[in-house]
Amino acid sequence: MLGLMINDREKQEIEYLLKREMDEILFDLKDSRIDHIVKRAMDERYKILFSLFKRFANQKECLKYMKTEAKKETY
């Protein structure tokens, strides 16, 4: 396990970067031109980013980015 000491400004920046990256992945998952194998890798990356995001964001923010079966695209 690793520890990390950051201030509030750095925490906000990390949250922003994670949100931006997760939004980008969610947008790309809807693109029908992207191969399903690539989408599977993107989904794995999303899961990793979301697990990091849960450590920084409050519960309300986490709910916005939580993937549900209804939101998932079929690929």
N, C-alpha and C. Protein backbone atom coordinates (compact mmCIF):
# COMPACT_ATOMS: atom_id res chain seq x y z
N MET A 1 0.85 -1.17 0.00
CA MET A 1 0.00 0.00 0.00
C MET A 1 0.90 1.24 0.00
N LEU A 2 0.48 2.23 -0.75
CA LEU A 2 1.22 3.48 -0.83
C LEU A 2 0.40 4.61 -0.22
N GLY A 3 1.07 5.60 0.31
CA GLY A 3 0.41 6.77 0.84
C GLY A 3 0.72 7.98 -0.03
N LEU A 4 -0.14 8.97 0.05
CA LEU A 4 0.01 10.16 -0.76
C LEU A 4 -0.50 11.35 0.03
N MET A 5 0.34 12.35 0.18
CA MET A 5 -0.09 13.57 0.86
C MET A 5 -0.27 14.67 -0.18
N ILE A 6 -1.50 15.18 -0.25
CA ILE A 6 -1.81 16.25 -1.20
C ILE A 6 -2.64 17.31 -0.50
N ASN A 7 -2.61 18.51 -1.03
CA ASN A 7 -3.44 19.56 -0.46
C ASN A 7 -4.79 19.61 -1.20
N ASP A 8 -5.69 20.48 -0.77
CA ASP A 8 -7.03 20.54 -1.35
C ASP A 8 -7.00 20.90 -2.83
N ARG A 9 -6.13 21.79 -3.21
CA ARG A 9 -6.03 22.20 -4.63
C ARG A 9 -5.61 21.00 -5.49
N GLU A 10 -4.64 20.24 -5.03
CA GLU A 10 -4.18 19.06 -5.77
C GLU A 10 -5.28 18.00 -5.83
N LYS A 11 -6.03 17.85 -4.75
CA LYS A 11 -7.14 16.91 -4.71
C LYS A 11 -8.18 17.29 -5.76
N GLN A 12 -8.50 18.56 -5.86
CA GLN A 12 -9.47 19.03 -6.85
C GLN A 12 -8.96 18.78 -8.26
N GLU A 13 -7.68 18.97 -8.48
CA GLU A 13 -7.10 18.75 -9.80
C GLU A 13 -7.15 17.26 -10.18
N ILE A 14 -6.84 16.39 -9.24
CA ILE A 14 -6.90 14.96 -9.52
C ILE A 14 -8.34 14.55 -9.81
N GLU A 15 -9.29 15.07 -9.04
CA GLU A 15 -10.70 14.78 -9.28
C GLU A 15 -11.11 15.22 -10.68
N TYR A 16 -10.70 16.42 -11.06
CA TYR A 16 -11.03 16.95 -12.37
C TYR A 16 -10.46 16.07 -13.48
N LEU A 17 -9.20 15.68 -13.35
CA LEU A 17 -8.56 14.84 -14.37
C LEU A 17 -9.25 13.48 -14.49
N LEU A 18 -9.60 12.89 -13.36
CA LEU A 18 -10.28 11.60 -13.38
C LEU A 18 -11.66 11.72 -14.03
N LYS A 19 -12.41 12.77 -13.69
CA LYS A 19 -13.72 12.99 -14.29
C LYS A 19 -13.60 13.16 -15.80
N ARG A 20 -12.65 13.96 -16.22
CA ARG A 20 -12.47 14.23 -17.65
C ARG A 20 -12.14 12.94 -18.40
N GLU A 21 -11.26 12.14 -17.84
CA GLU A 21 -10.87 10.89 -18.49
C GLU A 21 -12.04 9.90 -18.52
N MET A 22 -12.80 9.82 -17.43
CA MET A 22 -13.94 8.91 -17.40
C MET A 22 -15.01 9.36 -18.38
N ASP A 23 -15.26 10.67 -18.48
CA ASP A 23 -16.22 11.19 -19.45
C ASP A 23 -15.81 10.83 -20.88
N GLU A 24 -14.53 10.95 -21.15
CA GLU A 24 -14.01 10.62 -22.48
C GLU A 24 -14.22 9.14 -22.80
N ILE A 25 -13.96 8.29 -21.85
CA ILE A 25 -14.15 6.85 -22.06
C ILE A 25 -15.63 6.54 -22.28
N LEU A 26 -16.49 7.12 -21.45
CA LEU A 26 -17.93 6.88 -21.61
C LEU A 26 -18.41 7.33 -22.99
N PHE A 27 -17.90 8.45 -23.46
CA PHE A 27 -18.26 8.95 -24.79
C PHE A 27 -17.77 7.98 -25.86
N ASP A 28 -16.54 7.53 -25.75
CA ASP A 28 -15.97 6.62 -26.75
C ASP A 28 -16.63 5.25 -26.75
N LEU A 29 -17.13 4.81 -25.61
CA LEU A 29 -17.81 3.51 -25.55
C LEU A 29 -19.08 3.51 -26.39
N LYS A 30 -19.65 4.68 -26.63
CA LYS A 30 -20.86 4.78 -27.45
C LYS A 30 -20.57 4.79 -28.94
N ASP A 31 -19.32 4.94 -29.32
CA ASP A 31 -18.94 5.02 -30.72
C ASP A 31 -18.96 3.62 -31.35
N SER A 32 -19.80 3.44 -32.33
CA SER A 32 -19.96 2.12 -32.96
C SER A 32 -18.76 1.75 -33.83
N ARG A 33 -17.91 2.70 -34.18
CA ARG A 33 -16.76 2.42 -35.03
C ARG A 33 -15.62 1.76 -34.27
N ILE A 34 -15.67 1.82 -32.96
CA ILE A 34 -14.60 1.25 -32.14
C ILE A 34 -14.85 -0.24 -31.93
N ASP A 35 -13.84 -1.04 -32.15
CA ASP A 35 -13.92 -2.50 -32.03
C ASP A 35 -14.25 -2.91 -30.59
N HIS A 36 -14.97 -4.01 -30.47
CA HIS A 36 -15.40 -4.47 -29.14
C HIS A 36 -14.22 -4.85 -28.25
N ILE A 37 -13.14 -5.31 -28.82
CA ILE A 37 -11.95 -5.65 -28.01
C ILE A 37 -11.36 -4.39 -27.39
N VAL A 38 -11.33 -3.33 -28.17
CA VAL A 38 -10.83 -2.04 -27.66
C VAL A 38 -11.78 -1.51 -26.59
N LYS A 39 -13.06 -1.66 -26.82
CA LYS A 39 -14.04 -1.20 -25.83
C LYS A 39 -13.91 -1.97 -24.51
N ARG A 40 -13.58 -3.24 -24.60
CA ARG A 40 -13.39 -4.02 -23.39
C ARG A 40 -12.19 -3.48 -22.60
N ALA A 41 -11.12 -3.14 -23.30
CA ALA A 41 -9.95 -2.56 -22.64
C ALA A 41 -10.29 -1.20 -22.04
N MET A 42 -11.08 -0.42 -22.77
CA MET A 42 -11.51 0.88 -22.25
C MET A 42 -12.35 0.72 -21.00
N ASP A 43 -13.20 -0.29 -20.98
CA ASP A 43 -14.03 -0.56 -19.81
C ASP A 43 -13.17 -0.92 -18.61
N GLU A 44 -12.14 -1.72 -18.83
CA GLU A 44 -11.21 -2.07 -17.74
C GLU A 44 -10.52 -0.82 -17.20
N ARG A 45 -10.10 0.05 -18.11
CA ARG A 45 -9.46 1.31 -17.69
C ARG A 45 -10.44 2.16 -16.89
N TYR A 46 -11.70 2.20 -17.32
CA TYR A 46 -12.72 2.96 -16.61
C TYR A 46 -12.86 2.44 -15.18
N LYS A 47 -12.87 1.14 -15.02
CA LYS A 47 -13.01 0.56 -13.69
C LYS A 47 -11.86 0.99 -12.77
N ILE A 48 -10.66 1.02 -13.31
CA ILE A 48 -9.50 1.44 -12.53
C ILE A 48 -9.61 2.91 -12.15
N LEU A 49 -9.98 3.75 -13.13
CA LEU A 49 -10.12 5.18 -12.86
C LEU A 49 -11.22 5.44 -11.84
N PHE A 50 -12.33 4.71 -11.96
CA PHE A 50 -13.43 4.90 -11.03
C PHE A 50 -13.04 4.49 -9.61
N SER A 51 -12.26 3.44 -9.49
CA SER A 51 -11.81 3.03 -8.15
C SER A 51 -10.92 4.10 -7.52
N LEU A 52 -10.11 4.77 -8.34
CA LEU A 52 -9.32 5.90 -7.84
C LEU A 52 -10.22 7.07 -7.48
N PHE A 53 -11.19 7.34 -8.35
CA PHE A 53 -12.11 8.45 -8.15
C PHE A 53 -12.88 8.32 -6.84
N LYS A 54 -13.27 7.09 -6.49
CA LYS A 54 -14.01 6.86 -5.25
C LYS A 54 -13.22 7.30 -4.02
N ARG A 55 -11.91 7.30 -4.12
CA ARG A 55 -11.08 7.69 -2.98
C ARG A 55 -11.05 9.20 -2.78
N PHE A 56 -11.37 9.95 -3.83
CA PHE A 56 -11.29 11.41 -3.77
C PHE A 56 -12.65 12.09 -3.70
N ALA A 57 -13.63 11.54 -4.37
CA ALA A 57 -14.92 12.22 -4.53
C ALA A 57 -15.90 11.83 -3.42
N ASN A 58 -16.91 12.69 -3.27
CA ASN A 58 -17.96 12.38 -2.31
C ASN A 58 -18.96 11.41 -2.94
N GLN A 59 -19.89 10.94 -2.15
CA GLN A 59 -20.82 9.91 -2.60
C GLN A 59 -21.69 10.40 -3.75
N LYS A 60 -22.11 11.65 -3.70
CA LYS A 60 -22.97 12.20 -4.75
C LYS A 60 -22.25 12.20 -6.10
N GLU A 61 -20.98 12.58 -6.11
CA GLU A 61 -20.19 12.59 -7.34
C GLU A 61 -19.96 11.18 -7.84
N CYS A 62 -19.73 10.26 -6.94
CA CYS A 62 -19.51 8.87 -7.34
C CYS A 62 -20.74 8.28 -8.03
N LEU A 63 -21.91 8.63 -7.54
CA LEU A 63 -23.13 8.12 -8.14
C LEU A 63 -23.28 8.58 -9.59
N LYS A 64 -22.79 9.77 -9.90
CA LYS A 64 -22.88 10.29 -11.27
C LYS A 64 -22.06 9.45 -12.24
N TYR A 65 -20.96 8.91 -11.77
CA TYR A 65 -20.04 8.17 -12.64
C TYR A 65 -20.14 6.66 -12.50
N MET A 66 -21.01 6.20 -11.63
CA MET A 66 -21.18 4.77 -11.44
C MET A 66 -21.85 4.18 -12.67
N LYS A 67 -21.24 3.14 -13.21
CA LYS A 67 -21.81 2.49 -14.38
C LYS A 67 -22.83 1.47 -13.92
N THR A 68 -23.97 1.49 -14.57
CA THR A 68 -25.00 0.48 -14.30
C THR A 68 -25.20 -0.32 -15.57
N GLU A 69 -25.87 -1.43 -15.45
CA GLU A 69 -26.12 -2.27 -16.63
C GLU A 69 -26.95 -1.51 -17.65
N ALA A 70 -27.85 -0.64 -17.20
CA ALA A 70 -28.67 0.11 -18.14
C ALA A 70 -27.86 1.12 -18.94
N LYS A 71 -26.80 1.66 -18.33
CA LYS A 71 -25.96 2.63 -19.01
C LYS A 71 -24.96 2.00 -19.95
N LYS A 72 -24.61 0.73 -19.70
CA LYS A 72 -23.57 0.08 -20.49
C LYS A 72 -24.04 -0.12 -21.92
N GLU A 73 -23.16 0.12 -22.83
CA GLU A 73 -23.41 -0.15 -24.25
C GLU A 73 -23.08 -1.61 -24.51
N THR A 74 -23.76 -2.21 -25.41
CA THR A 74 -23.42 -3.58 -25.79
C THR A 74 -22.32 -3.54 -26.82
N TYR A 75 -21.29 -4.30 -26.58
CA TYR A 75 -20.19 -4.35 -27.54
C TYR A 75 -19.68 -5.70 -27.74
